[in-house]
Amino acid sequence: MTLRVGIAGYGMAGRLIHAPLLRGCGYDVVAIQTTNAERVASALQDFPNVSICATVEEMFAVKLDLLVVASANIVHAEQAFAAIAAGVPVVIDKPMGRTYAETASIIQAGEDAHVPVCCFFNRRWDSDALTIKRVLKSGTLGTIHRMESRFERFRPEINPLSWRENMSAIDGGGQLLDLQPHLISSALDFFGEGTLVSSSVRSLRGAADDDSVLVVQHKSGVMSYLSASAVVGSPGPRVRILGSNGALMINDLDPQEHLLRAGKIPHNGAWDVSTASPAFIHRGDVIEEIPAENGNYAVFYREVEGAIKGLNPWPVDNKDTLMVSSIIDQARASSVHG
């Protein structure tokens, strides 16, 4: 059975991330919600037979097995509630909600209506994430005590067309809601439950928050240092994990987003090119390159299909989604920069 899916929002996330992944995994994209004339044209170019809808509610006139919410953060909850009311399972791009309370309300509504909801934490299927999980399982690094994980860029000028860079946190703008959810989610996936120890959240460019460092202590004893910034002229390594027997270093960002933006698709749910980020074990002056796993975001949507068909659990546990939201709320409230 081919699953019929609708996409709410057809900007960068909807068109360049979700649509090609859904297509590559064999979903039938039958409806797209957007009122932007340019995005309507893009949607019809990509899917000539798709139904273009002005509202999410209009999409349910077309039978859907799944709704993907890929719109601006400010309407995530509204659109998720509409899907739940219609009895349609929903995947929501991160962050699920702008606050813990909003996230919890979406999850509770889904539970009350027995309609699945799931957050799109695709970075759990990055090359670096899959390599890290393999190395941790092997015990090669000994006892882990610290992870440093970063999404650092050098974009000193604000993009006036980006709602993420200009909207207030109340409306869903800022990097604390954009990049930190990926960093926190992956840290929880690697090392388990954690609590916020300290945070610095600030705006360097005078608009939405664009520079943050969070320190999370996991029950396992590992400390995660999570950095997201738009004004870093010399970005650090993507990930560095320190253990008693050595360190794992991965310098480069997973290439999948670049491939998707370039119009590539993981046909049949798999990439036909390498998506591995080189990985190295450091022991002082001794450096060893190790095999790196290929990243594959399509696994998320393959697991979503299996979950809808009752074959496997949903790919991201909502307990993790709630914990991510809680840490973000705490980080904003307790930031040393107010």
Protein backbone atom coordinates (compact mmCIF):
# COMPACT_ATOMS: atom_id res chain seq x y z
CA MET A 1 0.00 0.00 0.00
CA THR A 2 1.43 3.36 -1.06
CA LEU A 3 0.92 5.96 1.65
CA ARG A 4 -0.71 9.25 0.69
CA VAL A 5 0.93 12.27 2.31
CA GLY A 6 0.30 16.01 2.51
CA ILE A 7 2.96 18.63 3.20
CA ALA A 8 2.04 21.80 5.09
CA GLY A 9 4.46 24.52 4.02
CA TYR A 10 6.66 24.41 0.93
CA GLY A 11 9.62 26.58 1.78
CA MET A 12 13.13 25.33 2.44
CA ALA A 13 12.11 22.52 4.80
CA GLY A 14 9.07 21.37 2.85
CA ARG A 15 10.51 21.49 -0.63
CA LEU A 16 14.19 20.74 -0.12
CA ILE A 17 14.13 18.31 2.80
CA HIS A 18 10.81 16.55 3.30
CA ALA A 19 9.52 16.33 -0.28
CA PRO A 20 12.57 14.55 -1.76
CA LEU A 21 12.82 12.20 1.22
CA LEU A 22 9.15 11.29 0.92
CA ARG A 23 9.47 10.80 -2.82
CA GLY A 24 12.62 8.70 -2.37
CA CYS A 25 10.83 6.47 0.14
CA GLY A 26 7.92 5.84 -2.20
CA TYR A 27 5.23 8.01 -0.59
CA ASP A 28 2.59 9.59 -2.82
CA VAL A 29 2.62 13.37 -2.23
CA VAL A 30 -1.01 14.25 -3.01
CA ALA A 31 -1.51 17.63 -1.30
CA ILE A 32 0.62 20.67 -0.48
CA GLN A 33 -0.53 23.62 1.63
CA THR A 34 0.85 27.04 0.68
CA THR A 35 -0.54 30.42 -0.36
CA ASN A 36 2.75 31.81 -1.67
CA ALA A 37 2.55 32.11 -5.48
CA GLU A 38 6.21 31.20 -6.01
CA ARG A 39 5.89 28.12 -3.81
CA VAL A 40 2.68 27.10 -5.55
CA ALA A 41 4.60 27.15 -8.83
CA SER A 42 7.42 25.10 -7.27
CA ALA A 43 4.97 22.56 -5.89
CA LEU A 44 3.29 22.07 -9.28
CA GLN A 45 6.68 21.80 -10.96
CA ASP A 46 7.75 19.09 -8.53
CA PHE A 47 4.38 17.28 -8.34
CA PRO A 48 2.22 18.18 -11.38
CA ASN A 49 -0.84 16.30 -10.08
CA VAL A 50 -0.74 17.57 -6.51
CA SER A 51 -3.69 19.36 -4.90
CA ILE A 52 -2.71 22.87 -3.80
CA CYS A 53 -4.53 23.92 -0.64
CA ALA A 54 -4.77 27.30 1.08
CA THR A 55 -5.32 25.77 4.53
CA VAL A 56 -4.46 22.54 6.28
CA GLU A 57 -8.16 21.79 6.72
CA GLU A 58 -8.61 21.75 2.92
CA MET A 59 -5.99 19.01 2.69
CA PHE A 60 -8.17 16.53 4.53
CA ALA A 61 -10.68 16.51 1.69
CA VAL A 62 -7.96 14.52 -0.06
CA LYS A 63 -7.53 11.22 1.77
CA LEU A 64 -4.26 11.38 3.71
CA ASP A 65 -2.36 8.69 5.57
CA LEU A 66 0.13 11.24 6.92
CA LEU A 67 0.53 15.01 7.27
CA VAL A 68 4.03 16.51 7.39
CA VAL A 69 4.14 19.93 9.08
CA ALA A 70 7.07 21.77 7.49
CA SER A 71 5.81 25.31 8.01
CA ALA A 72 7.00 28.18 10.21
CA ASN A 73 7.25 27.35 13.91
CA ILE A 74 4.45 29.80 14.76
CA VAL A 75 1.81 27.53 13.18
CA HIS A 76 3.17 24.08 14.10
CA ALA A 77 0.68 23.58 16.94
CA GLU A 78 -2.31 24.91 14.98
CA GLN A 79 -1.62 22.60 12.05
CA ALA A 80 -0.84 19.61 14.26
CA PHE A 81 -4.13 20.05 16.14
CA ALA A 82 -5.98 20.16 12.81
CA ALA A 83 -4.40 16.86 11.74
CA ILE A 84 -5.17 15.24 15.08
CA ALA A 85 -8.79 16.40 14.88
CA ALA A 86 -8.99 14.84 11.40
CA GLY A 87 -7.49 11.57 12.67
CA VAL A 88 -4.40 11.89 10.47
CA PRO A 89 -0.96 10.90 11.86
CA VAL A 90 1.43 13.84 11.79
CA VAL A 91 5.19 14.36 11.53
CA ILE A 92 6.23 17.82 12.73
CA ASP A 93 9.53 19.40 11.79
CA LYS A 94 11.59 20.39 14.81
CA PRO A 95 10.82 22.03 17.10
CA MET A 96 7.44 20.37 17.58
CA GLY A 97 6.33 23.35 19.67
CA ARG A 98 7.83 26.71 20.59
CA THR A 99 7.71 25.90 24.30
CA TYR A 100 7.46 22.87 26.54
CA ALA A 101 3.80 23.67 27.24
CA GLU A 102 2.97 23.86 23.52
CA THR A 103 4.88 20.65 22.77
CA ALA A 104 3.18 18.83 25.63
CA SER A 105 -0.24 20.02 24.46
CA ILE A 106 0.35 18.58 20.96
CA ILE A 107 1.53 15.22 22.32
CA GLN A 108 -1.36 15.04 24.80
CA ALA A 109 -3.90 15.86 22.09
CA GLY A 110 -2.50 13.05 19.98
CA GLU A 111 -2.63 10.59 22.87
CA ASP A 112 -6.20 11.58 23.77
CA ALA A 113 -7.32 11.10 20.16
CA HIS A 114 -5.16 8.00 19.59
CA VAL A 115 -3.49 9.77 16.67
CA PRO A 116 0.32 9.39 16.41
CA VAL A 117 2.50 12.51 16.41
CA CYS A 118 6.28 12.45 15.88
CA CYS A 119 9.03 15.06 15.70
CA PHE A 120 11.42 15.13 12.73
CA PHE A 121 14.83 14.88 14.40
CA ASN A 122 16.56 13.81 11.18
CA ARG A 123 20.06 14.51 12.50
CA ARG A 124 19.86 11.24 14.41
CA TRP A 125 20.54 9.69 10.99
CA ASP A 126 23.54 11.87 10.13
CA SER A 127 26.75 10.07 9.25
CA ASP A 128 28.37 11.38 12.43
CA ALA A 129 25.48 10.20 14.61
CA LEU A 130 25.53 6.67 13.20
CA THR A 131 29.34 6.48 13.45
CA ILE A 132 29.23 7.73 17.05
CA LYS A 133 26.66 5.12 18.07
CA ARG A 134 28.76 2.34 16.56
CA VAL A 135 31.94 3.56 18.28
CA LEU A 136 30.17 3.98 21.63
CA LYS A 137 28.78 0.45 21.40
CA SER A 138 32.25 -0.93 20.67
CA GLY A 139 33.77 0.52 23.87
CA THR A 140 36.82 1.71 21.93
CA LEU A 141 36.95 5.05 23.74
CA GLY A 142 36.66 3.58 27.22
CA THR A 143 34.63 5.59 29.73
CA ILE A 144 33.14 8.66 28.06
CA HIS A 145 33.22 11.88 30.06
CA ARG A 146 32.55 14.68 27.56
CA MET A 147 30.99 15.44 24.19
CA GLU A 148 31.33 18.70 22.29
CA SER A 149 28.82 19.06 19.45
CA ARG A 150 28.46 22.10 17.21
CA PHE A 151 26.49 23.76 14.45
CA GLU A 152 28.71 26.79 13.93
CA ARG A 153 28.63 29.04 10.85
CA PHE A 154 29.95 32.39 9.75
CA ARG A 155 27.01 34.53 8.64
CA PRO A 156 27.72 37.95 10.15
CA GLU A 157 24.91 39.66 8.22
CA ILE A 158 21.25 38.97 9.01
CA ASN A 159 19.16 37.60 6.17
CA PRO A 160 16.18 40.01 6.07
CA LEU A 161 14.02 37.37 4.33
CA SER A 162 14.53 34.69 6.98
CA TRP A 163 11.80 34.42 9.60
CA ARG A 164 14.12 32.25 11.69
CA GLU A 165 16.65 35.09 11.95
CA ASN A 166 14.14 37.88 12.56
CA MET A 167 11.14 36.53 14.48
CA SER A 168 11.06 36.73 18.27
CA ALA A 169 11.34 33.59 20.34
CA ILE A 170 7.64 33.92 21.19
CA ASP A 171 6.85 33.61 17.48
CA GLY A 172 9.32 30.75 17.00
CA GLY A 173 12.45 32.52 15.75
CA GLY A 174 16.07 32.09 16.82
CA GLN A 175 18.70 29.37 16.80
CA LEU A 176 17.71 28.04 20.22
CA LEU A 177 14.60 26.69 18.46
CA ASP A 178 16.32 25.97 15.13
CA LEU A 179 19.70 24.29 15.68
CA GLN A 180 19.84 23.46 19.38
CA PRO A 181 16.94 20.96 19.15
CA HIS A 182 19.10 18.82 16.84
CA LEU A 183 22.10 19.05 19.18
CA ILE A 184 20.07 18.25 22.30
CA SER A 185 18.11 15.43 20.65
CA SER A 186 21.27 13.73 19.44
CA ALA A 187 22.99 14.10 22.82
CA LEU A 188 20.01 12.41 24.50
CA ASP A 189 20.08 9.69 21.86
CA PHE A 190 23.78 9.00 22.52
CA PHE A 191 23.99 9.29 26.30
CA GLY A 192 20.45 9.13 27.68
CA GLU A 193 18.44 11.40 29.91
CA GLY A 194 20.07 14.67 30.88
CA THR A 195 19.53 17.93 32.75
CA LEU A 196 20.66 21.44 31.92
CA VAL A 197 23.65 22.65 33.94
CA SER A 198 24.23 26.06 32.38
CA SER A 199 23.34 28.10 29.30
CA SER A 200 24.29 31.19 27.37
CA VAL A 201 21.72 32.44 24.86
CA ARG A 202 22.19 35.79 23.14
CA SER A 203 21.83 37.81 19.96
CA LEU A 204 25.10 38.97 18.40
CA ARG A 205 23.53 40.52 15.30
CA GLY A 206 20.68 42.40 16.97
CA ALA A 207 17.76 40.24 15.86
CA ALA A 208 16.71 36.74 16.98
CA ASP A 209 19.05 34.76 19.23
CA ASP A 210 21.97 33.55 17.12
CA ASP A 211 24.61 32.36 19.59
CA SER A 212 24.07 29.76 22.29
CA VAL A 213 26.07 27.31 24.37
CA LEU A 214 24.25 24.74 26.51
CA VAL A 215 25.85 22.33 28.98
CA VAL A 216 23.84 19.18 29.68
CA GLN A 217 24.75 16.58 32.30
CA HIS A 218 23.51 13.07 31.51
CA LYS A 219 22.59 10.51 34.16
CA SER A 220 25.29 8.35 32.59
CA GLY A 221 27.86 10.90 33.81
CA VAL A 222 28.70 12.36 30.40
CA MET A 223 28.74 16.15 30.01
CA SER A 224 27.54 17.50 26.65
CA TYR A 225 28.67 20.95 25.50
CA LEU A 226 26.35 22.09 22.70
CA SER A 227 27.21 25.15 20.60
CA ALA A 228 25.06 26.80 17.93
CA SER A 229 26.20 30.10 16.46
CA ALA A 230 25.91 32.16 13.28
CA VAL A 231 29.00 34.27 13.94
CA VAL A 232 31.97 31.90 14.15
CA GLY A 233 34.77 32.81 11.76
CA SER A 234 36.58 29.55 12.54
CA PRO A 235 34.04 26.79 13.27
CA GLY A 236 35.20 23.98 15.54
CA PRO A 237 34.91 20.28 14.72
CA ARG A 238 31.39 18.99 14.19
CA VAL A 239 31.78 16.55 17.09
CA ARG A 240 34.49 15.67 19.60
CA ILE A 241 33.88 12.88 22.13
CA LEU A 242 36.39 12.34 24.92
CA GLY A 243 36.91 9.03 26.70
CA SER A 244 39.44 7.38 28.99
CA ASN A 245 41.05 5.53 26.04
CA GLY A 246 40.98 8.26 23.40
CA ALA A 247 38.85 10.77 21.53
CA LEU A 248 36.55 10.53 18.52
CA MET A 249 36.83 13.51 16.17
CA ILE A 250 34.50 14.23 13.26
CA ASN A 251 35.26 17.53 11.59
CA ASP A 252 32.77 17.78 8.73
CA LEU A 253 29.02 18.22 8.54
CA ASP A 254 27.00 15.37 7.04
CA PRO A 255 26.57 16.00 3.27
CA GLN A 256 22.91 14.96 2.99
CA GLU A 257 21.39 18.44 3.27
CA HIS A 258 23.77 19.64 0.55
CA LEU A 259 22.70 16.73 -1.67
CA LEU A 260 19.01 17.44 -1.06
CA ARG A 261 19.44 21.14 -1.81
CA ALA A 262 21.20 20.15 -5.05
CA GLY A 263 18.14 18.17 -6.12
CA LYS A 264 19.41 14.68 -5.28
CA ILE A 265 16.97 12.05 -3.96
CA PRO A 266 17.62 8.85 -1.97
CA HIS A 267 15.84 6.56 -4.44
CA ASN A 268 14.23 3.51 -2.87
CA GLY A 269 15.19 4.95 0.50
CA ALA A 270 18.96 4.82 -0.08
CA TRP A 271 21.64 7.14 -1.42
CA ASP A 272 23.67 6.07 -4.45
CA VAL A 273 26.64 8.22 -3.37
CA SER A 274 28.75 8.26 -0.23
CA THR A 275 27.23 10.23 2.64
CA ALA A 276 29.99 9.48 5.14
CA SER A 277 31.79 12.16 7.17
CA PRO A 278 35.43 11.13 7.82
CA ALA A 279 36.02 10.07 11.42
CA PHE A 280 39.22 9.80 13.45
CA ILE A 281 40.34 8.34 16.77
CA HIS A 282 42.93 10.53 18.54
CA ARG A 283 45.23 9.23 21.25
CA GLY A 284 47.56 12.14 21.87
CA ASP A 285 49.80 12.45 18.83
CA VAL A 286 48.52 9.16 17.36
CA ILE A 287 45.66 9.69 14.93
CA GLU A 288 43.80 6.82 13.26
CA GLU A 289 41.12 7.24 10.59
CA ILE A 290 38.29 4.78 11.12
CA PRO A 291 35.45 3.67 8.82
CA ALA A 292 32.54 6.12 8.88
CA GLU A 293 28.89 5.19 8.49
CA ASN A 294 26.84 6.55 5.61
CA GLY A 295 24.12 8.90 6.79
CA ASN A 296 20.55 8.31 5.63
CA TYR A 297 17.61 10.54 6.60
CA ALA A 298 15.33 8.28 4.56
CA VAL A 299 15.45 5.77 7.43
CA PHE A 300 13.19 8.15 9.37
CA TYR A 301 10.45 7.99 6.76
CA ARG A 302 10.89 4.26 6.24
CA GLU A 303 10.26 3.83 9.96
CA VAL A 304 7.28 6.20 9.81
CA GLU A 305 5.78 4.01 7.09
CA GLY A 306 6.39 0.92 9.21
CA ALA A 307 4.80 2.60 12.24
CA ILE A 308 1.68 3.58 10.28
CA LYS A 309 1.40 -0.02 9.07
CA GLY A 310 1.92 -1.35 12.60
CA LEU A 311 5.26 -2.98 11.88
CA ASN A 312 7.58 -1.00 14.18
CA PRO A 313 7.60 1.89 16.72
CA TRP A 314 7.67 5.51 15.59
CA PRO A 315 11.27 6.64 14.95
CA VAL A 316 11.47 9.29 17.69
CA ASP A 317 10.02 8.74 21.17
CA ASN A 318 7.88 11.67 22.34
CA LYS A 319 9.57 11.43 25.76
CA ASP A 320 12.75 12.64 24.07
CA THR A 321 10.83 15.41 22.28
CA LEU A 322 9.45 16.61 25.61
CA MET A 323 12.90 16.51 27.21
CA VAL A 324 14.36 18.58 24.37
CA SER A 325 11.61 21.18 24.82
CA SER A 326 12.13 21.27 28.58
CA ILE A 327 15.87 21.87 28.21
CA ILE A 328 15.26 24.65 25.68
CA ASP A 329 12.79 26.39 28.01
CA GLN A 330 15.24 26.11 30.91
CA ALA A 331 18.12 27.40 28.75
CA ARG A 332 16.20 30.51 27.80
CA ALA A 333 15.04 31.16 31.36
CA SER A 334 18.40 30.60 33.04
CA SER A 335 20.79 32.00 30.43
CA VAL A 336 23.68 33.95 31.90
CA HIS A 337 22.88 36.60 29.27
CA GLY A 338 19.28 36.91 30.40
